[in-house]
Amino acid sequence: MAGKYSSTEAIALDSLCINFGIGKYSDTSGAVSAATCLNCAAGKYSTVAGLASATLCTLCDIGKFSTTLGAVSVAVCQNCVAGKYSTVAGIDLETKCVSCVVGTFSTSTGATSAGVCLNCVAGKYSSTIGLNAASLCTNCAAGTFSATTGASSATVCLDCVVGVLWIHSSWIHIVNSLGDKSVYMYTHTHTYIYIYVYICIYVYIYIYVDTWGA
């Protein structure tokens, strides 16, 4: 019967036929040697001997892949890397894992859907697929802003307009008739303002500006 072979004549019982090894199968009946057995394909494995069909090899789960032929354990199934996912079982190459699209990233390994791909936040963009960290999204340049999430190009980054502050690092720059000049900004309590994010905000309060002799 398929899945077994025998090189001995006059065998009286099926139980005396020899099973093909684990990680292999054969759909050939009446086989006389192990030469007719075939490896389970990449993306599959088997922990049972004597398989009679390739369909009885076990698929690696979705979100995983394997390049190993004749695998004998689920351990050969590797996670799709962060920045990628798979919705199909039995993938035989890492390149068949699907990359998160531009403007998104994912830190999850072994992901099983595009739902793990998160948008780059407002003020950033990405034109590269398969990003595996939020930090790989590209910042809009200094002096620009974007309210768009999941942006895929720098075209979403708009110039700050007159009367709007560009806040970057521990400096605040005014975009107006002063030109692009670094100045300290004081509140009414004379407390320095230190803000560490890129953002443009409209100013509706009176602010004392000291250009330090400029």
C-alpha atoms as a PDB file:
ATOM      1  CA  MET A   1       0.000   0.000   0.000  1.00  0.00           C
ATOM      2  CA  ALA A   2       1.025   3.638  -0.426  1.00  0.00           C
ATOM      3  CA  GLY A   3       3.286   5.055   2.271  1.00  0.00           C
ATOM      4  CA  LYS A   4       5.129   1.743   2.675  1.00  0.00           C
ATOM      5  CA  TYR A   5       7.545  -0.485   0.812  1.00  0.00           C
ATOM      6  CA  SER A   6       9.082  -3.929   1.018  1.00  0.00           C
ATOM      7  CA  SER A   7      12.168  -5.371  -0.625  1.00  0.00           C
ATOM      8  CA  THR A   8      11.333  -8.885   0.647  1.00  0.00           C
ATOM      9  CA  GLU A   9       9.280 -11.403  -1.293  1.00  0.00           C
ATOM     10  CA  ALA A  10       6.407 -13.491   0.049  1.00  0.00           C
ATOM     11  CA  ILE A  11       5.382 -11.148   2.848  1.00  0.00           C
ATOM     12  CA  ALA A  12       2.157 -12.396   4.389  1.00  0.00           C
ATOM     13  CA  LEU A  13       1.111  -9.336   6.409  1.00  0.00           C
ATOM     14  CA  ASP A  14       0.823  -5.618   5.634  1.00  0.00           C
ATOM     15  CA  SER A  15       2.358  -4.905   9.003  1.00  0.00           C
ATOM     16  CA  LEU A  16       5.628  -6.350   7.703  1.00  0.00           C
ATOM     17  CA  CYS A  17       5.869  -3.640   5.036  1.00  0.00           C
ATOM     18  CA  ILE A  18       8.157  -0.803   6.057  1.00  0.00           C
ATOM     19  CA  ASN A  19       6.806   2.718   6.581  1.00  0.00           C
ATOM     20  CA  PHE A  20       8.545   5.567   4.817  1.00  0.00           C
ATOM     21  CA  GLY A  21      10.263   7.827   7.337  1.00  0.00           C
ATOM     22  CA  ILE A  22       8.833  10.970   8.947  1.00  0.00           C
ATOM     23  CA  GLY A  23       9.081  14.092   6.838  1.00  0.00           C
ATOM     24  CA  LYS A  24       8.391  11.979   3.760  1.00  0.00           C
ATOM     25  CA  TYR A  25       5.499  10.432   1.848  1.00  0.00           C
ATOM     26  CA  SER A  26       4.775   8.120  -1.092  1.00  0.00           C
ATOM     27  CA  ASP A  27       1.588   7.651  -3.067  1.00  0.00           C
ATOM     28  CA  THR A  28       3.040   4.599  -4.852  1.00  0.00           C
ATOM     29  CA  SER A  29       1.488   1.236  -4.049  1.00  0.00           C
ATOM     30  CA  GLY A  30       3.631  -1.909  -4.217  1.00  0.00           C
ATOM     31  CA  ALA A  31       6.912   0.001  -3.719  1.00  0.00           C
ATOM     32  CA  VAL A  32       9.956  -2.239  -3.415  1.00  0.00           C
ATOM     33  CA  SER A  33      12.431   0.331  -2.054  1.00  0.00           C
ATOM     34  CA  ALA A  34      12.670   3.574  -0.140  1.00  0.00           C
ATOM     35  CA  ALA A  35      13.691   5.299  -3.386  1.00  0.00           C
ATOM     36  CA  THR A  36      10.045   6.028  -4.179  1.00  0.00           C
ATOM     37  CA  CYS A  37       9.514   8.147  -1.065  1.00  0.00           C
ATOM     38  CA  LEU A  38       9.465  11.924  -1.471  1.00  0.00           C
ATOM     39  CA  ASN A  39      10.188  14.784   0.905  1.00  0.00           C
ATOM     40  CA  CYS A  40       7.365  16.884   2.297  1.00  0.00           C
ATOM     41  CA  ALA A  41       7.698  20.179   0.460  1.00  0.00           C
ATOM     42  CA  ALA A  42       9.110  23.388   1.923  1.00  0.00           C
ATOM     43  CA  GLY A  43       6.419  25.109   3.980  1.00  0.00           C
ATOM     44  CA  LYS A  44       5.323  21.718   5.317  1.00  0.00           C
ATOM     45  CA  TYR A  45       6.517  19.100   7.798  1.00  0.00           C
ATOM     46  CA  SER A  46       5.511  15.692   9.125  1.00  0.00           C
ATOM     47  CA  THR A  47       5.946  14.014  12.494  1.00  0.00           C
ATOM     48  CA  VAL A  48       4.307  10.749  11.314  1.00  0.00           C
ATOM     49  CA  ALA A  49       5.879   7.930   9.286  1.00  0.00           C
ATOM     50  CA  GLY A  50       4.199   6.180   6.364  1.00  0.00           C
ATOM     51  CA  LEU A  51       2.309   9.078   4.794  1.00  0.00           C
ATOM     52  CA  ALA A  52       0.506   8.013   1.649  1.00  0.00           C
ATOM     53  CA  SER A  53      -0.003  11.479   0.126  1.00  0.00           C
ATOM     54  CA  ALA A  54       1.638  14.894  -0.028  1.00  0.00           C
ATOM     55  CA  THR A  55      -1.604  16.382   1.303  1.00  0.00           C
ATOM     56  CA  LEU A  56      -0.964  14.592   4.613  1.00  0.00           C
ATOM     57  CA  CYS A  57       2.171  16.662   5.244  1.00  0.00           C
ATOM     58  CA  THR A  58       1.290  19.427   7.721  1.00  0.00           C
ATOM     59  CA  LEU A  59       1.321  23.054   6.592  1.00  0.00           C
ATOM     60  CA  CYS A  60       3.239  25.664   8.575  1.00  0.00           C
ATOM     61  CA  ASP A  61       0.714  28.021  10.200  1.00  0.00           C
ATOM     62  CA  ILE A  62      -0.216  31.376   8.724  1.00  0.00           C
ATOM     63  CA  GLY A  63       2.266  34.054   9.721  1.00  0.00           C
ATOM     64  CA  LYS A  64       5.107  31.554   9.297  1.00  0.00           C
ATOM     65  CA  PHE A  65       7.262  30.038   6.536  1.00  0.00           C
ATOM     66  CA  SER A  66       9.804  27.268   6.031  1.00  0.00           C
ATOM     67  CA  THR A  67      12.402  26.617   3.337  1.00  0.00           C
ATOM     68  CA  THR A  68      13.229  23.114   4.631  1.00  0.00           C
ATOM     69  CA  LEU A  69      12.466  20.006   2.562  1.00  0.00           C
ATOM     70  CA  GLY A  70      11.508  16.821   4.390  1.00  0.00           C
ATOM     71  CA  ALA A  71      11.037  18.631   7.701  1.00  0.00           C
ATOM     72  CA  VAL A  72      10.258  16.422  10.685  1.00  0.00           C
ATOM     73  CA  SER A  73       9.149  19.081  13.187  1.00  0.00           C
ATOM     74  CA  VAL A  74       7.070  22.237  13.433  1.00  0.00           C
ATOM     75  CA  ALA A  75      10.240  23.924  14.710  1.00  0.00           C
ATOM     76  CA  VAL A  76      11.298  24.575  11.101  1.00  0.00           C
ATOM     77  CA  CYS A  77       8.394  27.007  10.682  1.00  0.00           C
ATOM     78  CA  GLN A  78       9.760  30.511  11.235  1.00  0.00           C
ATOM     79  CA  ASN A  79       7.840  33.705  11.922  1.00  0.00           C
ATOM     80  CA  CYS A  80       7.409  36.309   9.228  1.00  0.00           C
ATOM     81  CA  VAL A  81       9.617  39.153  10.418  1.00  0.00           C
ATOM     82  CA  ALA A  82       8.378  42.441  11.873  1.00  0.00           C
ATOM     83  CA  GLY A  83       7.117  44.696   9.096  1.00  0.00           C
ATOM     84  CA  LYS A  84       5.551  41.726   7.298  1.00  0.00           C
ATOM     85  CA  TYR A  85       2.617  39.332   7.697  1.00  0.00           C
ATOM     86  CA  SER A  86       1.008  36.344   6.011  1.00  0.00           C
ATOM     87  CA  THR A  87      -2.604  35.282   5.605  1.00  0.00           C
ATOM     88  CA  VAL A  88      -1.737  31.946   3.944  1.00  0.00           C
ATOM     89  CA  ALA A  89      -0.509  28.703   5.524  1.00  0.00           C
ATOM     90  CA  GLY A  90       2.377  26.667   4.081  1.00  0.00           C
ATOM     91  CA  ILE A  91       4.571  29.513   2.798  1.00  0.00           C
ATOM     92  CA  ASP A  92       7.907  28.194   1.516  1.00  0.00           C
ATOM     93  CA  LEU A  93       9.910  31.432   1.240  1.00  0.00           C
ATOM     94  CA  GLU A  94      10.375  34.442   3.526  1.00  0.00           C
ATOM     95  CA  THR A  95       9.830  36.704   0.513  1.00  0.00           C
ATOM     96  CA  LYS A  96       6.242  35.425   0.317  1.00  0.00           C
ATOM     97  CA  CYS A  97       5.450  37.124   3.607  1.00  0.00           C
ATOM     98  CA  VAL A  98       3.645  40.353   2.696  1.00  0.00           C
ATOM     99  CA  SER A  99       5.263  43.700   3.528  1.00  0.00           C
ATOM    100  CA  CYS A 100       3.322  46.429   5.313  1.00  0.00           C
ATOM    101  CA  VAL A 101       2.539  49.129   2.761  1.00  0.00           C
ATOM    102  CA  VAL A 102       4.177  52.554   2.558  1.00  0.00           C
ATOM    103  CA  GLY A 103       3.133  54.925   5.308  1.00  0.00           C
ATOM    104  CA  THR A 104       2.863  52.090   7.842  1.00  0.00           C
ATOM    105  CA  PHE A 105       5.042  49.925  10.084  1.00  0.00           C
ATOM    106  CA  SER A 106       4.727  46.863  12.323  1.00  0.00           C
ATOM    107  CA  THR A 107       6.775  45.597  15.256  1.00  0.00           C
ATOM    108  CA  SER A 108       4.947  42.230  15.383  1.00  0.00           C
ATOM    109  CA  THR A 109       6.578  38.963  14.272  1.00  0.00           C
ATOM    110  CA  GLY A 110       4.524  36.053  12.966  1.00  0.00           C
ATOM    111  CA  ALA A 111       1.690  38.424  12.067  1.00  0.00           C
ATOM    112  CA  THR A 112      -1.363  36.932  10.393  1.00  0.00           C
ATOM    113  CA  SER A 113      -3.069  40.006   8.933  1.00  0.00           C
ATOM    114  CA  ALA A 114      -2.479  43.526   7.654  1.00  0.00           C
ATOM    115  CA  GLY A 115      -4.155  44.752  10.827  1.00  0.00           C
ATOM    116  CA  VAL A 116      -0.774  44.793  12.576  1.00  0.00           C
ATOM    117  CA  CYS A 117       0.487  47.494  10.201  1.00  0.00           C
ATOM    118  CA  LEU A 118       0.139  50.841  11.992  1.00  0.00           C
ATOM    119  CA  ASN A 119       0.136  54.286  10.414  1.00  0.00           C
ATOM    120  CA  CYS A 120       3.135  56.557  10.705  1.00  0.00           C
ATOM    121  CA  VAL A 121       1.946  59.354  12.994  1.00  0.00           C
ATOM    122  CA  ALA A 122       1.122  62.898  11.906  1.00  0.00           C
ATOM    123  CA  GLY A 123       4.305  64.852  11.220  1.00  0.00           C
ATOM    124  CA  LYS A 124       5.969  61.798   9.671  1.00  0.00           C
ATOM    125  CA  TYR A 125       5.781  59.752   6.486  1.00  0.00           C
ATOM    126  CA  SER A 126       7.322  56.699   4.847  1.00  0.00           C
ATOM    127  CA  SER A 127       7.851  55.830   1.198  1.00  0.00           C
ATOM    128  CA  THR A 128       9.351  52.417   2.066  1.00  0.00           C
ATOM    129  CA  ILE A 129       7.437  49.152   2.521  1.00  0.00           C
ATOM    130  CA  GLY A 130       8.023  46.708   5.359  1.00  0.00           C
ATOM    131  CA  LEU A 131       9.106  49.112   8.108  1.00  0.00           C
ATOM    132  CA  ASN A 132       9.608  47.314  11.426  1.00  0.00           C
ATOM    133  CA  ALA A 133       9.692  50.287  13.816  1.00  0.00           C
ATOM    134  CA  ALA A 134       7.901  53.616  14.242  1.00  0.00           C
ATOM    135  CA  SER A 135      11.276  55.335  14.422  1.00  0.00           C
ATOM    136  CA  LEU A 136      11.877  54.443  10.763  1.00  0.00           C
ATOM    137  CA  CYS A 137       9.066  56.721   9.646  1.00  0.00           C
ATOM    138  CA  THR A 138      10.675  59.911   8.317  1.00  0.00           C
ATOM    139  CA  ASN A 139      10.142  63.239  10.086  1.00  0.00           C
ATOM    140  CA  CYS A 140       8.747  66.158   8.124  1.00  0.00           C
ATOM    141  CA  ALA A 141      11.593  68.651   7.745  1.00  0.00           C
ATOM    142  CA  ALA A 142      12.086  71.497  10.210  1.00  0.00           C
ATOM    143  CA  GLY A 143       9.789  74.410   9.360  1.00  0.00           C
ATOM    144  CA  THR A 144       7.070  72.127   8.015  1.00  0.00           C
ATOM    145  CA  PHE A 145       4.154  70.190   9.475  1.00  0.00           C
ATOM    146  CA  SER A 146       1.643  67.525   8.529  1.00  0.00           C
ATOM    147  CA  ALA A 147      -1.642  66.503  10.150  1.00  0.00           C
ATOM    148  CA  THR A 148      -1.839  63.384   7.961  1.00  0.00           C
ATOM    149  CA  THR A 149      -1.381  59.920   9.443  1.00  0.00           C
ATOM    150  CA  GLY A 150      -0.109  57.063   7.296  1.00  0.00           C
ATOM    151  CA  ALA A 151       1.513  59.460   4.847  1.00  0.00           C
ATOM    152  CA  SER A 152       3.601  57.906   2.088  1.00  0.00           C
ATOM    153  CA  SER A 153       5.610  60.899   0.851  1.00  0.00           C
ATOM    154  CA  ALA A 154       7.049  64.250   1.909  1.00  0.00           C
ATOM    155  CA  THR A 155       4.426  66.046  -0.182  1.00  0.00           C
ATOM    156  CA  VAL A 156       2.135  66.035   2.876  1.00  0.00           C
ATOM    157  CA  CYS A 157       4.634  68.209   4.765  1.00  0.00           C
ATOM    158  CA  LEU A 158       3.482  71.824   4.451  1.00  0.00           C
ATOM    159  CA  ASP A 159       5.392  74.994   5.281  1.00  0.00           C
ATOM    160  CA  CYS A 160       4.578  76.717   8.545  1.00  0.00           C
ATOM    161  CA  VAL A 161       2.905  80.036   7.700  1.00  0.00           C
ATOM    162  CA  VAL A 162       3.406  83.588   9.021  1.00  0.00           C
ATOM    163  CA  GLY A 163       2.250  83.913  12.606  1.00  0.00           C
ATOM    164  CA  VAL A 164       2.850  80.254  13.324  1.00  0.00           C
ATOM    165  CA  LEU A 165       5.578  78.876  15.553  1.00  0.00           C
ATOM    166  CA  TRP A 166       7.952  76.125  14.526  1.00  0.00           C
ATOM    167  CA  ILE A 167       8.787  74.202  17.695  1.00  0.00           C
ATOM    168  CA  HIS A 168      11.815  71.945  17.531  1.00  0.00           C
ATOM    169  CA  SER A 169      14.172  70.553  20.164  1.00  0.00           C
ATOM    170  CA  SER A 170      14.681  73.056  23.011  1.00  0.00           C
ATOM    171  CA  TRP A 171      14.463  76.110  20.714  1.00  0.00           C
ATOM    172  CA  ILE A 172      11.472  77.924  19.352  1.00  0.00           C
ATOM    173  CA  HIS A 173      11.782  79.650  15.983  1.00  0.00           C
ATOM    174  CA  ILE A 174       9.428  82.342  14.781  1.00  0.00           C
ATOM    175  CA  VAL A 175       8.423  82.307  11.128  1.00  0.00           C
ATOM    176  CA  ASN A 176       7.626  85.961  10.511  1.00  0.00           C
ATOM    177  CA  SER A 177       9.374  89.257   9.812  1.00  0.00           C
ATOM    178  CA  LEU A 178      12.195  88.289  12.159  1.00  0.00           C
ATOM    179  CA  GLY A 179      13.247  85.689   9.642  1.00  0.00           C
ATOM    180  CA  ASP A 180      14.333  82.208  10.677  1.00  0.00           C
ATOM    181  CA  LYS A 181      16.070  83.392  13.860  1.00  0.00           C
ATOM    182  CA  SER A 182      16.534  81.434  17.075  1.00  0.00           C
ATOM    183  CA  VAL A 183      15.001  83.243  20.039  1.00  0.00           C
ATOM    184  CA  TYR A 184      14.135  82.451  23.618  1.00  0.00           C
ATOM    185  CA  MET A 185      10.427  82.655  24.448  1.00  0.00           C
ATOM    186  CA  TYR A 186       9.190  83.619  27.914  1.00  0.00           C
ATOM    187  CA  THR A 187       5.771  83.177  29.467  1.00  0.00           C
ATOM    188  CA  HIS A 188       4.361  85.822  31.797  1.00  0.00           C
ATOM    189  CA  THR A 189       6.003  83.926  34.680  1.00  0.00           C
ATOM    190  CA  HIS A 190       9.375  84.152  32.871  1.00  0.00           C
ATOM    191  CA  THR A 191       9.620  80.387  32.563  1.00  0.00           C
ATOM    192  CA  TYR A 192      11.570  79.043  29.610  1.00  0.00           C
ATOM    193  CA  ILE A 193       9.524  76.990  27.189  1.00  0.00           C
ATOM    194  CA  TYR A 194      11.243  73.705  26.237  1.00  0.00           C
ATOM    195  CA  ILE A 195       9.334  71.471  23.865  1.00  0.00           C
ATOM    196  CA  TYR A 196      10.807  68.401  22.211  1.00  0.00           C
ATOM    197  CA  VAL A 197       8.426  67.646  19.350  1.00  0.00           C
ATOM    198  CA  TYR A 198       7.965  68.897  15.822  1.00  0.00           C
ATOM    199  CA  ILE A 199       4.689  70.770  15.568  1.00  0.00           C
ATOM    200  CA  CYS A 200       3.306  74.014  14.231  1.00  0.00           C
ATOM    201  CA  ILE A 201       0.867  75.882  16.476  1.00  0.00           C
ATOM    202  CA  TYR A 202      -1.069  79.103  16.064  1.00  0.00           C
ATOM    203  CA  VAL A 203      -0.245  81.750  18.660  1.00  0.00           C
ATOM    204  CA  TYR A 204      -3.166  83.526  20.316  1.00  0.00           C
ATOM    205  CA  ILE A 205      -1.306  84.871  23.369  1.00  0.00           C
ATOM    206  CA  TYR A 206       1.040  87.789  23.858  1.00  0.00           C
ATOM    207  CA  ILE A 207       4.628  86.607  24.184  1.00  0.00           C
ATOM    208  CA  TYR A 208       7.673  88.594  25.178  1.00  0.00           C
ATOM    209  CA  VAL A 209      10.525  88.010  22.707  1.00  0.00           C
ATOM    210  CA  ASP A 210      14.113  88.734  23.625  1.00  0.00           C
ATOM    211  CA  THR A 211      16.476  88.384  20.658  1.00  0.00           C
ATOM    212  CA  TRP A 212      19.512  88.957  22.877  1.00  0.00           C
ATOM    213  CA  GLY A 213      20.863  91.957  21.063  1.00  0.00           C
ATOM    214  CA  ALA A 214      19.953  90.789  17.601  1.00  0.00           C
END
